[in-house]
C-alpha cells in the first residue's frame, strides 16, 4: 500500500510560485513530481508548461547552412547548439527539402 505523505501545501505552493520546479520540489519532499502537481492543483495554483523552451532558429539561416553551404547535420547542430535530431525536425517543419544524395563513384 502506498504511504501517505504529510506534505505542507503552503510551503510547496510558496516554493513553486517562487520559481522551483515540480521535479525539484519532489526531490526535496521525497515524492513524485505528479504528487507535487496534484498538491498544487488542489491548492488552485496554475502549473507552468515549460517542459522544453522553444528553440529559436531562423529558417533562412537553417536553409542556407543545409542547402547552400551543404554542411552536415552534425555541424549545423553544433552551430546552433542543438541536437542533430532537432535540426532534422526543424528542417521538416520549415519545409526545407532533403538534399539529393551524391553518387559515390566506384560502387
PDB file of N, CA and C in Angstrom:
ATOM      1  N   UNK A   1       0.841  -1.176   0.000  1.00  0.00           N
ATOM      2  CA  UNK A   1       0.000   0.000   0.000  1.00  0.00           C
ATOM      3  C   UNK A   1       0.888   1.242   0.000  1.00  0.00           C
ATOM      4  N   UNK A   2       0.574   2.238  -0.841  1.00  0.00           N
ATOM      5  CA  UNK A   2       1.393   3.447  -0.880  1.00  0.00           C
ATOM      6  C   UNK A   2       1.345   4.199   0.442  1.00  0.00           C
ATOM      7  N   UNK A   3       2.446   4.804   0.765  1.00  0.00           N
ATOM      8  CA  UNK A   3       2.494   5.560   2.018  1.00  0.00           C
ATOM      9  C   UNK A   3       1.866   6.931   1.826  1.00  0.00           C
ATOM     10  N   UNK A   4       1.253   7.428   2.852  1.00  0.00           N
ATOM     11  CA  UNK A   4       0.660   8.765   2.834  1.00  0.00           C
ATOM     12  C   UNK A   4       1.713   9.758   3.307  1.00  0.00           C
ATOM     13  N   UNK A   5       1.969  10.743   2.507  1.00  0.00           N
ATOM     14  CA  UNK A   5       2.931  11.769   2.882  1.00  0.00           C
ATOM     15  C   UNK A   5       2.203  12.952   3.489  1.00  0.00           C
ATOM     16  N   UNK A   6       2.792  13.493   4.489  1.00  0.00           N
ATOM     17  CA  UNK A   6       2.281  14.730   5.070  1.00  0.00           C
ATOM     18  C   UNK A   6       3.064  15.874   4.428  1.00  0.00           C
ATOM     19  N   UNK A   7       2.503  16.398   3.359  1.00  0.00           N
ATOM     20  CA  UNK A   7       3.186  17.452   2.614  1.00  0.00           C
ATOM     21  C   UNK A   7       2.563  18.798   2.966  1.00  0.00           C
ATOM     22  N   UNK A   8       3.392  19.742   3.382  1.00  0.00           N
ATOM     23  CA  UNK A   8       2.878  21.075   3.710  1.00  0.00           C
ATOM     24  C   UNK A   8       2.512  21.842   2.434  1.00  0.00           C
ATOM     25  N   UNK A   9       1.218  21.891   2.125  1.00  0.00           N
ATOM     26  CA  UNK A   9       0.751  22.524   0.893  1.00  0.00           C
ATOM     27  C   UNK A   9       1.194  23.981   0.779  1.00  0.00           C
ATOM     28  N   UNK A  10       1.161  24.710   1.875  1.00  0.00           N
ATOM     29  CA  UNK A  10       1.528  26.128   1.822  1.00  0.00           C
ATOM     30  C   UNK A  10       2.989  26.304   1.420  1.00  0.00           C
ATOM     31  N   UNK A  11       3.851  25.439   1.963  1.00  0.00           N
ATOM     32  CA  UNK A  11       5.285  25.534   1.667  1.00  0.00           C
ATOM     33  C   UNK A  11       5.537  25.188   0.202  1.00  0.00           C
ATOM     34  N   UNK A  12       4.867  24.137  -0.282  1.00  0.00           N
ATOM     35  CA  UNK A  12       5.038  23.721  -1.676  1.00  0.00           C
ATOM     36  C   UNK A  12       4.553  24.817  -2.621  1.00  0.00           C
ATOM     37  N   UNK A  13       3.380  25.368  -2.342  1.00  0.00           N
ATOM     38  CA  UNK A  13       2.833  26.429  -3.198  1.00  0.00           C
ATOM     39  C   UNK A  13       3.752  27.644  -3.221  1.00  0.00           C
ATOM     40  N   UNK A  14       4.245  28.028  -2.064  1.00  0.00           N
ATOM     41  CA  UNK A  14       5.128  29.196  -1.989  1.00  0.00           C
ATOM     42  C   UNK A  14       6.423  28.953  -2.767  1.00  0.00           C
ATOM     43  N   UNK A  15       7.001  27.755  -2.617  1.00  0.00           N
ATOM     44  CA  UNK A  15       8.249  27.440  -3.322  1.00  0.00           C
ATOM     45  C   UNK A  15       8.024  27.388  -4.832  1.00  0.00           C
ATOM     46  N   UNK A  16       6.906  26.812  -5.255  1.00  0.00           N
ATOM     47  CA  UNK A  16       6.599  26.720  -6.684  1.00  0.00           C
ATOM     48  C   UNK A  16       6.377  28.105  -7.283  1.00  0.00           C
ATOM     49  N   UNK A  17       5.626  28.927  -6.583  1.00  0.00           N
ATOM     50  CA  UNK A  17       5.369  30.283  -7.068  1.00  0.00           C
ATOM     51  C   UNK A  17       6.635  31.139  -7.064  1.00  0.00           C
ATOM     52  N   UNK A  18       7.603  30.757  -6.224  1.00  0.00           N
ATOM     53  CA  UNK A  18       8.879  31.473  -6.186  1.00  0.00           C
ATOM     54  C   UNK A  18       9.822  31.011  -7.298  1.00  0.00           C
ATOM     55  N   UNK A  19       9.428  29.939  -8.035  1.00  0.00           N
ATOM     56  CA  UNK A  19      10.242  29.523  -9.173  1.00  0.00           C
ATOM     57  C   UNK A  19      10.749  28.100  -9.159  1.00  0.00           C
ATOM     58  N   UNK A  20      10.574  27.368  -8.065  1.00  0.00           N
ATOM     59  CA  UNK A  20      11.028  25.977  -8.029  1.00  0.00           C
ATOM     60  C   UNK A  20      10.182  25.131  -8.966  1.00  0.00           C
ATOM     61  N   UNK A  21      10.785  24.093  -9.528  1.00  0.00           N
ATOM     62  CA  UNK A  21      10.044  23.200 -10.424  1.00  0.00           C
ATOM     63  C   UNK A  21       9.413  22.063  -9.630  1.00  0.00           C
ATOM     64  N   UNK A  22       8.479  21.370 -10.261  1.00  0.00           N
ATOM     65  CA  UNK A  22       7.850  20.227  -9.590  1.00  0.00           C
ATOM     66  C   UNK A  22       8.873  19.130  -9.337  1.00  0.00           C
ATOM     67  N   UNK A  23       9.846  18.976 -10.226  1.00  0.00           N
ATOM     68  CA  UNK A  23      10.876  17.948 -10.051  1.00  0.00           C
ATOM     69  C   UNK A  23      11.740  18.260  -8.831  1.00  0.00           C
ATOM     70  N   UNK A  24      12.151  19.509  -8.709  1.00  0.00           N
ATOM     71  CA  UNK A  24      12.981  19.915  -7.565  1.00  0.00           C
ATOM     72  C   UNK A  24      12.207  19.742  -6.261  1.00  0.00           C
ATOM     73  N   UNK A  25      10.945  20.150  -6.257  1.00  0.00           N
ATOM     74  CA  UNK A  25      10.128  20.010  -5.047  1.00  0.00           C
ATOM     75  C   UNK A  25       9.899  18.542  -4.705  1.00  0.00           C
ATOM     76  N   UNK A  26       9.721  17.705  -5.714  1.00  0.00           N
ATOM     77  CA  UNK A  26       9.532  16.274  -5.467  1.00  0.00           C
ATOM     78  C   UNK A  26      10.774  15.672  -4.822  1.00  0.00           C
ATOM     79  N   UNK A  27      11.939  16.052  -5.291  1.00  0.00           N
ATOM     80  CA  UNK A  27      13.178  15.561  -4.687  1.00  0.00           C
ATOM     81  C   UNK A  27      13.298  16.050  -3.249  1.00  0.00           C
ATOM     82  N   UNK A  28      12.941  17.280  -3.030  1.00  0.00           N
ATOM     83  CA  UNK A  28      13.035  17.874  -1.690  1.00  0.00           C
ATOM     84  C   UNK A  28      12.117  17.175  -0.685  1.00  0.00           C
ATOM     85  N   UNK A  29      10.891  16.814  -1.136  1.00  0.00           N
ATOM     86  CA  UNK A  29       9.918  16.224  -0.218  1.00  0.00           C
ATOM     87  C   UNK A  29       9.824  14.704  -0.329  1.00  0.00           C
ATOM     88  N   UNK A  30      10.646  14.095  -1.170  1.00  0.00           N
ATOM     89  CA  UNK A  30      10.683  12.638  -1.254  1.00  0.00           C
ATOM     90  C   UNK A  30       9.432  12.018  -1.857  1.00  0.00           C
ATOM     91  N   UNK A  31       8.915  12.633  -2.907  1.00  0.00           N
ATOM     92  CA  UNK A  31       7.732  12.093  -3.577  1.00  0.00           C
ATOM     93  C   UNK A  31       7.901  12.293  -5.083  1.00  0.00           C
ATOM     94  N   UNK A  32       6.865  11.998  -5.836  1.00  0.00           N
ATOM     95  CA  UNK A  32       6.946  12.144  -7.289  1.00  0.00           C
ATOM     96  C   UNK A  32       6.520  13.550  -7.721  1.00  0.00           C
ATOM     97  N   UNK A  33       6.977  13.979  -8.905  1.00  0.00           N
ATOM     98  CA  UNK A  33       6.518  15.265  -9.433  1.00  0.00           C
ATOM     99  C   UNK A  33       5.004  15.297  -9.638  1.00  0.00           C
ATOM    100  N   UNK A  34       4.417  14.135  -9.923  1.00  0.00           N
ATOM    101  CA  UNK A  34       2.965  14.060 -10.085  1.00  0.00           C
ATOM    102  C   UNK A  34       2.261  14.399  -8.780  1.00  0.00           C
ATOM    103  N   UNK A  35       2.802  13.917  -7.663  1.00  0.00           N
ATOM    104  CA  UNK A  35       2.223  14.223  -6.353  1.00  0.00           C
ATOM    105  C   UNK A  35       2.281  15.721  -6.085  1.00  0.00           C
ATOM    106  N   UNK A  36       3.403  16.334  -6.419  1.00  0.00           N
ATOM    107  CA  UNK A  36       3.548  17.784  -6.239  1.00  0.00           C
ATOM    108  C   UNK A  36       2.536  18.518  -7.118  1.00  0.00           C
ATOM    109  N   UNK A  37       2.385  18.074  -8.373  1.00  0.00           N
ATOM    110  CA  UNK A  37       1.438  18.718  -9.287  1.00  0.00           C
ATOM    111  C   UNK A  37       0.009  18.603  -8.765  1.00  0.00           C
ATOM    112  N   UNK A  38      -0.346  17.441  -8.230  1.00  0.00           N
ATOM    113  CA  UNK A  38      -1.690  17.260  -7.660  1.00  0.00           C
ATOM    114  C   UNK A  38      -1.904  18.199  -6.479  1.00  0.00           C
ATOM    115  N   UNK A  39      -0.882  18.325  -5.649  1.00  0.00           N
ATOM    116  CA  UNK A  39      -0.954  19.216  -4.491  1.00  0.00           C
ATOM    117  C   UNK A  39      -1.175  20.659  -4.951  1.00  0.00           C
ATOM    118  N   UNK A  40      -0.426  21.068  -5.965  1.00  0.00           N
ATOM    119  CA  UNK A  40      -0.545  22.438  -6.467  1.00  0.00           C
ATOM    120  C   UNK A  40      -1.919  22.688  -7.081  1.00  0.00           C
ATOM    121  N   UNK A  41      -2.391  21.724  -7.879  1.00  0.00           N
ATOM    122  CA  UNK A  41      -3.718  21.878  -8.499  1.00  0.00           C
ATOM    123  C   UNK A  41      -4.813  21.959  -7.451  1.00  0.00           C
ATOM    124  N   UNK A  42      -4.710  21.100  -6.414  1.00  0.00           N
ATOM    125  CA  UNK A  42      -5.746  21.109  -5.370  1.00  0.00           C
ATOM    126  C   UNK A  42      -5.734  22.410  -4.582  1.00  0.00           C
ATOM    127  N   UNK A  43      -4.598  23.100  -4.598  1.00  0.00           N
ATOM    128  CA  UNK A  43      -4.500  24.390  -3.913  1.00  0.00           C
ATOM    129  C   UNK A  43      -4.848  25.554  -4.835  1.00  0.00           C
ATOM    130  N   UNK A  44      -5.196  25.255  -6.082  1.00  0.00           N
ATOM    131  CA  UNK A  44      -5.597  26.301  -7.019  1.00  0.00           C
ATOM    132  C   UNK A  44      -4.456  26.997  -7.732  1.00  0.00           C
ATOM    133  N   UNK A  45      -3.270  26.407  -7.708  1.00  0.00           N
ATOM    134  CA  UNK A  45      -2.116  27.010  -8.370  1.00  0.00           C
ATOM    135  C   UNK A  45      -2.068  26.525  -9.821  1.00  0.00           C
ATOM    136  N   UNK A  46      -1.937  27.445 -10.756  1.00  0.00           N
ATOM    137  CA  UNK A  46      -1.822  27.088 -12.174  1.00  0.00           C
ATOM    138  C   UNK A  46      -0.406  26.592 -12.444  1.00  0.00           C
ATOM    139  N   UNK A  47      -0.302  25.434 -13.071  1.00  0.00           N
ATOM    140  CA  UNK A  47       1.008  24.857 -13.359  1.00  0.00           C
ATOM    141  C   UNK A  47       1.624  25.500 -14.591  1.00  0.00           C
ATOM    142  N   UNK A  48       2.944  25.646 -14.553  1.00  0.00           N
ATOM    143  CA  UNK A  48       3.678  26.158 -15.706  1.00  0.00           C
ATOM    144  C   UNK A  48       3.837  25.034 -16.726  1.00  0.00           C
ATOM    145  N   UNK A  49       3.805  25.381 -17.984  1.00  0.00           N
ATOM    146  CA  UNK A  49       4.010  24.397 -19.046  1.00  0.00           C
ATOM    147  C   UNK A  49       5.360  24.651 -19.686  1.00  0.00           C
ATOM    148  N   UNK A  50       6.424  24.397 -18.995  1.00  0.00           N
ATOM    149  CA  UNK A  50       7.747  24.697 -19.532  1.00  0.00           C
ATOM    150  C   UNK A  50       8.614  23.454 -19.563  1.00  0.00           C
ATOM    151  N   UNK A  51       8.104  22.401 -20.174  1.00  0.00           N
ATOM    152  CA  UNK A  51       8.903  21.190 -20.321  1.00  0.00           C
ATOM    153  C   UNK A  51      10.182  21.520 -21.080  1.00  0.00           C
ATOM    154  N   UNK A  52      10.009  22.045 -22.272  1.00  0.00           N
ATOM    155  CA  UNK A  52      11.136  22.431 -23.102  1.00  0.00           C
ATOM    156  C   UNK A  52      10.860  23.823 -23.652  1.00  0.00           C
ATOM    157  N   UNK A  53      11.832  24.672 -23.532  1.00  0.00           N
ATOM    158  CA  UNK A  53      11.677  26.019 -24.083  1.00  0.00           C
ATOM    159  C   UNK A  53      11.790  25.937 -25.605  1.00  0.00           C
ATOM    160  N   UNK A  54      10.999  26.701 -26.325  1.00  0.00           N
ATOM    161  CA  UNK A  54      11.118  26.675 -27.782  1.00  0.00           C
ATOM    162  C   UNK A  54      12.498  27.139 -28.222  1.00  0.00           C
ATOM    163  N   UNK A  55      13.010  26.492 -29.250  1.00  0.00           N
ATOM    164  CA  UNK A  55      14.352  26.796 -29.732  1.00  0.00           C
ATOM    165  C   UNK A  55      14.237  27.775 -30.900  1.00  0.00           C
ATOM    166  N   UNK A  56      14.737  28.988 -30.714  1.00  0.00           N
ATOM    167  CA  UNK A  56      14.627  29.974 -31.796  1.00  0.00           C
ATOM    168  C   UNK A  56      15.695  29.736 -32.866  1.00  0.00           C
ATOM    169  N   UNK A  57      15.265  29.256 -34.022  1.00  0.00           N
ATOM    170  CA  UNK A  57      16.169  29.039 -35.149  1.00  0.00           C
ATOM    171  C   UNK A  57      15.580  29.770 -36.344  1.00  0.00           C
ATOM    172  N   UNK A  58      16.406  30.524 -37.015  1.00  0.00           N
ATOM    173  CA  UNK A  58      15.968  31.258 -38.196  1.00  0.00           C
ATOM    174  C   UNK A  58      15.890  30.288 -39.373  1.00  0.00           C
ATOM    175  N   UNK A  59      14.720  30.217 -40.009  1.00  0.00           N
ATOM    176  CA  UNK A  59      14.506  29.292 -41.125  1.00  0.00           C
ATOM    177  C   UNK A  59      15.461  29.583 -42.277  1.00  0.00           C
ATOM    178  N   UNK A  60      15.686  30.861 -42.555  1.00  0.00           N
ATOM    179  CA  UNK A  60      16.576  31.228 -43.662  1.00  0.00           C
ATOM    180  C   UNK A  60      18.011  30.791 -43.381  1.00  0.00           C
ATOM    181  N   UNK A  61      18.440  30.945 -42.137  1.00  0.00           N
ATOM    182  CA  UNK A  61      19.803  30.549 -41.778  1.00  0.00           C
ATOM    183  C   UNK A  61      19.969  29.034 -41.852  1.00  0.00           C
ATOM    184  N   UNK A  62      18.947  28.296 -41.399  1.00  0.00           N
ATOM    185  CA  UNK A  62      18.994  26.834 -41.486  1.00  0.00           C
ATOM    186  C   UNK A  62      19.005  26.399 -42.954  1.00  0.00           C
ATOM    187  N   UNK A  63      18.172  27.018 -43.768  1.00  0.00           N
ATOM    188  CA  UNK A  63      18.114  26.689 -45.207  1.00  0.00           C
ATOM    189  C   UNK A  63      19.476  26.943 -45.862  1.00  0.00           C
ATOM    190  N   UNK A  64      20.091  28.076 -45.539  1.00  0.00           N
ATOM    191  CA  UNK A  64      21.392  28.422 -46.120  1.00  0.00           C
ATOM    192  C   UNK A  64      22.464  27.409 -45.712  1.00  0.00           C
ATOM    193  N   UNK A  65      22.503  27.065 -44.424  1.00  0.00           N
ATOM    194  CA  UNK A  65      23.520  26.121 -43.943  1.00  0.00           C
ATOM    195  C   UNK A  65      23.324  24.736 -44.555  1.00  0.00           C
ATOM    196  N   UNK A  66      22.071  24.337 -44.706  1.00  0.00           N
ATOM    197  CA  UNK A  66      21.774  22.986 -45.178  1.00  0.00           C
ATOM    198  C   UNK A  66      21.874  22.869 -46.701  1.00  0.00           C
ATOM    199  N   UNK A  67      21.219  23.776 -47.427  1.00  0.00           N
ATOM    200  CA  UNK A  67      21.164  23.656 -48.893  1.00  0.00           C
ATOM    201  C   UNK A  67      22.308  24.369 -49.611  1.00  0.00           C
ATOM    202  N   UNK A  68      22.675  25.567 -49.161  1.00  0.00           N
ATOM    203  CA  UNK A  68      23.701  26.333 -49.872  1.00  0.00           C
ATOM    204  C   UNK A  68      25.118  25.941 -49.451  1.00  0.00           C
ATOM    205  N   UNK A  69      25.344  25.850 -48.133  1.00  0.00           N
ATOM    206  CA  UNK A  69      26.684  25.520 -47.642  1.00  0.00           C
ATOM    207  C   UNK A  69      26.934  24.016 -47.608  1.00  0.00           C
ATOM    208  N   UNK A  70      25.887  23.208 -47.727  1.00  0.00           N
ATOM    209  CA  UNK A  70      25.970  21.740 -47.709  1.00  0.00           C
ATOM    210  C   UNK A  70      26.673  21.209 -46.460  1.00  0.00           C
ATOM    211  N   UNK A  71      26.429  21.862 -45.332  1.00  0.00           N
ATOM    212  CA  UNK A  71      27.029  21.403 -44.083  1.00  0.00           C
ATOM    213  C   UNK A  71      26.336  20.125 -43.619  1.00  0.00           C
ATOM    214  N   UNK A  72      27.100  19.224 -42.994  1.00  0.00           N
ATOM    215  CA  UNK A  72      26.468  18.040 -42.409  1.00  0.00           C
ATOM    216  C   UNK A  72      25.542  18.454 -41.259  1.00  0.00           C
ATOM    217  N   UNK A  73      24.538  17.630 -41.017  1.00  0.00           N
ATOM    218  CA  UNK A  73      23.573  17.905 -39.945  1.00  0.00           C
ATOM    219  C   UNK A  73      24.298  18.115 -38.614  1.00  0.00           C
ATOM    220  N   UNK A  74      25.327  17.312 -38.345  1.00  0.00           N
ATOM    221  CA  UNK A  74      26.052  17.424 -37.072  1.00  0.00           C
ATOM    222  C   UNK A  74      26.709  18.798 -36.926  1.00  0.00           C
ATOM    223  N   UNK A  75      27.249  19.336 -38.014  1.00  0.00           N
ATOM    224  CA  UNK A  75      27.877  20.664 -37.950  1.00  0.00           C
ATOM    225  C   UNK A  75      26.838  21.759 -37.770  1.00  0.00           C
ATOM    226  N   UNK A  76      25.698  21.599 -38.431  1.00  0.00           N
ATOM    227  CA  UNK A  76      24.624  22.579 -38.262  1.00  0.00           C
ATOM    228  C   UNK A  76      24.150  22.561 -36.812  1.00  0.00           C
ATOM    229  N   UNK A  77      24.023  21.356 -36.250  1.00  0.00           N
ATOM    230  CA  UNK A  77      23.593  21.221 -34.853  1.00  0.00           C
ATOM    231  C   UNK A  77      24.577  21.913 -33.923  1.00  0.00           C
ATOM    232  N   UNK A  78      25.866  21.721 -34.164  1.00  0.00           N
ATOM    233  CA  UNK A  78      26.884  22.362 -33.327  1.00  0.00           C
ATOM    234  C   UNK A  78      26.819  23.880 -33.460  1.00  0.00           C
ATOM    235  N   UNK A  79      26.566  24.369 -34.663  1.00  0.00           N
ATOM    236  CA  UNK A  79      26.480  25.817 -34.897  1.00  0.00           C
ATOM    237  C   UNK A  79      25.339  26.437 -34.094  1.00  0.00           C
ATOM    238  N   UNK A  80      24.181  25.750 -34.061  1.00  0.00           N
ATOM    239  CA  UNK A  80      23.012  26.274 -33.359  1.00  0.00           C
ATOM    240  C   UNK A  80      22.968  25.864 -31.886  1.00  0.00           C
ATOM    241  N   UNK A  81      23.834  24.932 -31.473  1.00  0.00           N
ATOM    242  CA  UNK A  81      23.823  24.467 -30.086  1.00  0.00           C
ATOM    243  C   UNK A  81      22.643  23.563 -29.775  1.00  0.00           C
ATOM    244  N   UNK A  82      22.249  22.738 -30.748  1.00  0.00           N
ATOM    245  CA  UNK A  82      21.120  21.823 -30.579  1.00  0.00           C
ATOM    246  C   UNK A  82      21.538  20.432 -31.040  1.00  0.00           C
ATOM    247  N   UNK A  83      20.641  19.467 -30.906  1.00  0.00           N
ATOM    248  CA  UNK A  83      20.950  18.103 -31.326  1.00  0.00           C
ATOM    249  C   UNK A  83      20.691  17.935 -32.824  1.00  0.00           C
ATOM    250  N   UNK A  84      21.350  16.949 -33.446  1.00  0.00           N
ATOM    251  CA  UNK A  84      21.090  16.676 -34.863  1.00  0.00           C
ATOM    252  C   UNK A  84      19.624  16.332 -35.137  1.00  0.00           C
ATOM    253  N   UNK A  85      18.977  15.655 -34.211  1.00  0.00           N
ATOM    254  CA  UNK A  85      17.561  15.333 -34.376  1.00  0.00           C
ATOM    255  C   UNK A  85      16.694  16.581 -34.437  1.00  0.00           C
ATOM    256  N   UNK A  86      17.038  17.577 -33.635  1.00  0.00           N
ATOM    257  CA  UNK A  86      16.292  18.836 -33.652  1.00  0.00           C
ATOM    258  C   UNK A  86      16.491  19.557 -34.982  1.00  0.00           C
ATOM    259  N   UNK A  87      17.702  19.482 -35.538  1.00  0.00           N
ATOM    260  CA  UNK A  87      17.948  20.087 -36.852  1.00  0.00           C
ATOM    261  C   UNK A  87      17.036  19.437 -37.889  1.00  0.00           C
ATOM    262  N   UNK A  88      16.958  18.110 -37.864  1.00  0.00           N
ATOM    263  CA  UNK A  88      16.100  17.401 -38.823  1.00  0.00           C
ATOM    264  C   UNK A  88      14.633  17.762 -38.629  1.00  0.00           C
ATOM    265  N   UNK A  89      14.198  17.840 -37.381  1.00  0.00           N
ATOM    266  CA  UNK A  89      12.803  18.210 -37.099  1.00  0.00           C
ATOM    267  C   UNK A  89      12.497  19.623 -37.587  1.00  0.00           C
ATOM    268  N   UNK A  90      13.413  20.553 -37.338  1.00  0.00           N
ATOM    269  CA  UNK A  90      13.210  21.936 -37.777  1.00  0.00           C
ATOM    270  C   UNK A  90      13.234  22.024 -39.305  1.00  0.00           C
ATOM    271  N   UNK A  91      14.118  21.252 -39.952  1.00  0.00           N
ATOM    272  CA  UNK A  91      14.181  21.247 -41.412  1.00  0.00           C
ATOM    273  C   UNK A  91      12.831  20.837 -41.995  1.00  0.00           C
ATOM    274  N   UNK A  92      12.256  19.769 -41.447  1.00  0.00           N
ATOM    275  CA  UNK A  92      10.935  19.320 -41.904  1.00  0.00           C
ATOM    276  C   UNK A  92       9.868  20.362 -41.608  1.00  0.00           C
ATOM    277  N   UNK A  93       9.901  20.931 -40.406  1.00  0.00           N
ATOM    278  CA  UNK A  93       8.889  21.920 -40.010  1.00  0.00           C
ATOM    279  C   UNK A  93       8.933  23.163 -40.902  1.00  0.00           C
ATOM    280  N   UNK A  94      10.133  23.554 -41.349  1.00  0.00           N
ATOM    281  CA  UNK A  94      10.278  24.730 -42.200  1.00  0.00           C
ATOM    282  C   UNK A  94      10.063  24.406 -43.676  1.00  0.00           C
ATOM    283  N   UNK A  95       9.829  23.125 -43.996  1.00  0.00           N
ATOM    284  CA  UNK A  95       9.600  22.735 -45.386  1.00  0.00           C
ATOM    285  C   UNK A  95      10.855  22.746 -46.235  1.00  0.00           C
ATOM    286  N   UNK A  96      12.010  22.579 -45.608  1.00  0.00           N
ATOM    287  CA  UNK A  96      13.272  22.540 -46.350  1.00  0.00           C
ATOM    288  C   UNK A  96      13.434  21.126 -46.909  1.00  0.00           C
ATOM    289  N   UNK A  97      13.589  20.988 -48.233  1.00  0.00           N
ATOM    290  CA  UNK A  97      13.663  19.641 -48.821  1.00  0.00           C
ATOM    291  C   UNK A  97      14.979  18.947 -48.486  1.00  0.00           C
ATOM    292  N   UNK A  98      14.955  17.627 -48.562  1.00  0.00           N
ATOM    293  CA  UNK A  98      16.183  16.858 -48.393  1.00  0.00           C
ATOM    294  C   UNK A  98      17.138  17.176 -49.535  1.00  0.00           C
ATOM    295  N   UNK A  99      18.426  17.143 -49.246  1.00  0.00           N
ATOM    296  CA  UNK A  99      19.414  17.329 -50.304  1.00  0.00           C
ATOM    297  C   UNK A  99      19.449  16.065 -51.153  1.00  0.00           C
ATOM    298  N   UNK A 100      19.706  16.205 -52.445  1.00  0.00           N
ATOM    299  CA  UNK A 100      19.839  14.991 -53.262  1.00  0.00           C
ATOM    300  C   UNK A 100      21.091  14.231 -52.837  1.00  0.00           C
ATOM    301  N   UNK A 101      20.974  12.923 -52.838  1.00  0.00           N
ATOM    302  CA  UNK A 101      22.138  12.103 -52.471  1.00  0.00           C
ATOM    303  C   UNK A 101      23.186  12.203 -53.571  1.00  0.00           C
ATOM    304  N   UNK A 102      24.435  12.282 -53.151  1.00  0.00           N
ATOM    305  CA  UNK A 102      25.527  12.304 -54.126  1.00  0.00           C
ATOM    306  C   UNK A 102      25.913  10.868 -54.440  1.00  0.00           C
ATOM    307  N   UNK A 103      26.165  10.609 -55.695  1.00  0.00           N
ATOM    308  CA  UNK A 103      26.561   9.262 -56.085  1.00  0.00           C
ATOM    309  C   UNK A 103      28.036   9.072 -55.778  1.00  0.00           C
ATOM    310  N   UNK A 104      28.362   7.950 -55.143  1.00  0.00           N
ATOM    311  CA  UNK A 104      29.747   7.633 -54.824  1.00  0.00           C
ATOM    312  C   UNK A 104      30.285   6.791 -55.971  1.00  0.00           C
ATOM    313  N   UNK A 105      31.324   7.281 -56.632  1.00  0.00           N
ATOM    314  CA  UNK A 105      31.895   6.574 -57.781  1.00  0.00           C
ATOM    315  C   UNK A 105      32.610   5.321 -57.321  1.00  0.00           C
ATOM    316  N   UNK A 106      32.536   4.287 -58.154  1.00  0.00           N
ATOM    317  CA  UNK A 106      33.194   3.027 -57.832  1.00  0.00           C
ATOM    318  C   UNK A 106      32.282   2.056 -57.120  1.00  0.00           C
ATOM    319  N   UNK A 107      31.044   2.409 -56.954  1.00  0.00           N
ATOM    320  CA  UNK A 107      30.099   1.499 -56.281  1.00  0.00           C
ATOM    321  C   UNK A 107      28.995   1.144 -57.207  1.00  0.00           C
TER     322      UNK A 107
END
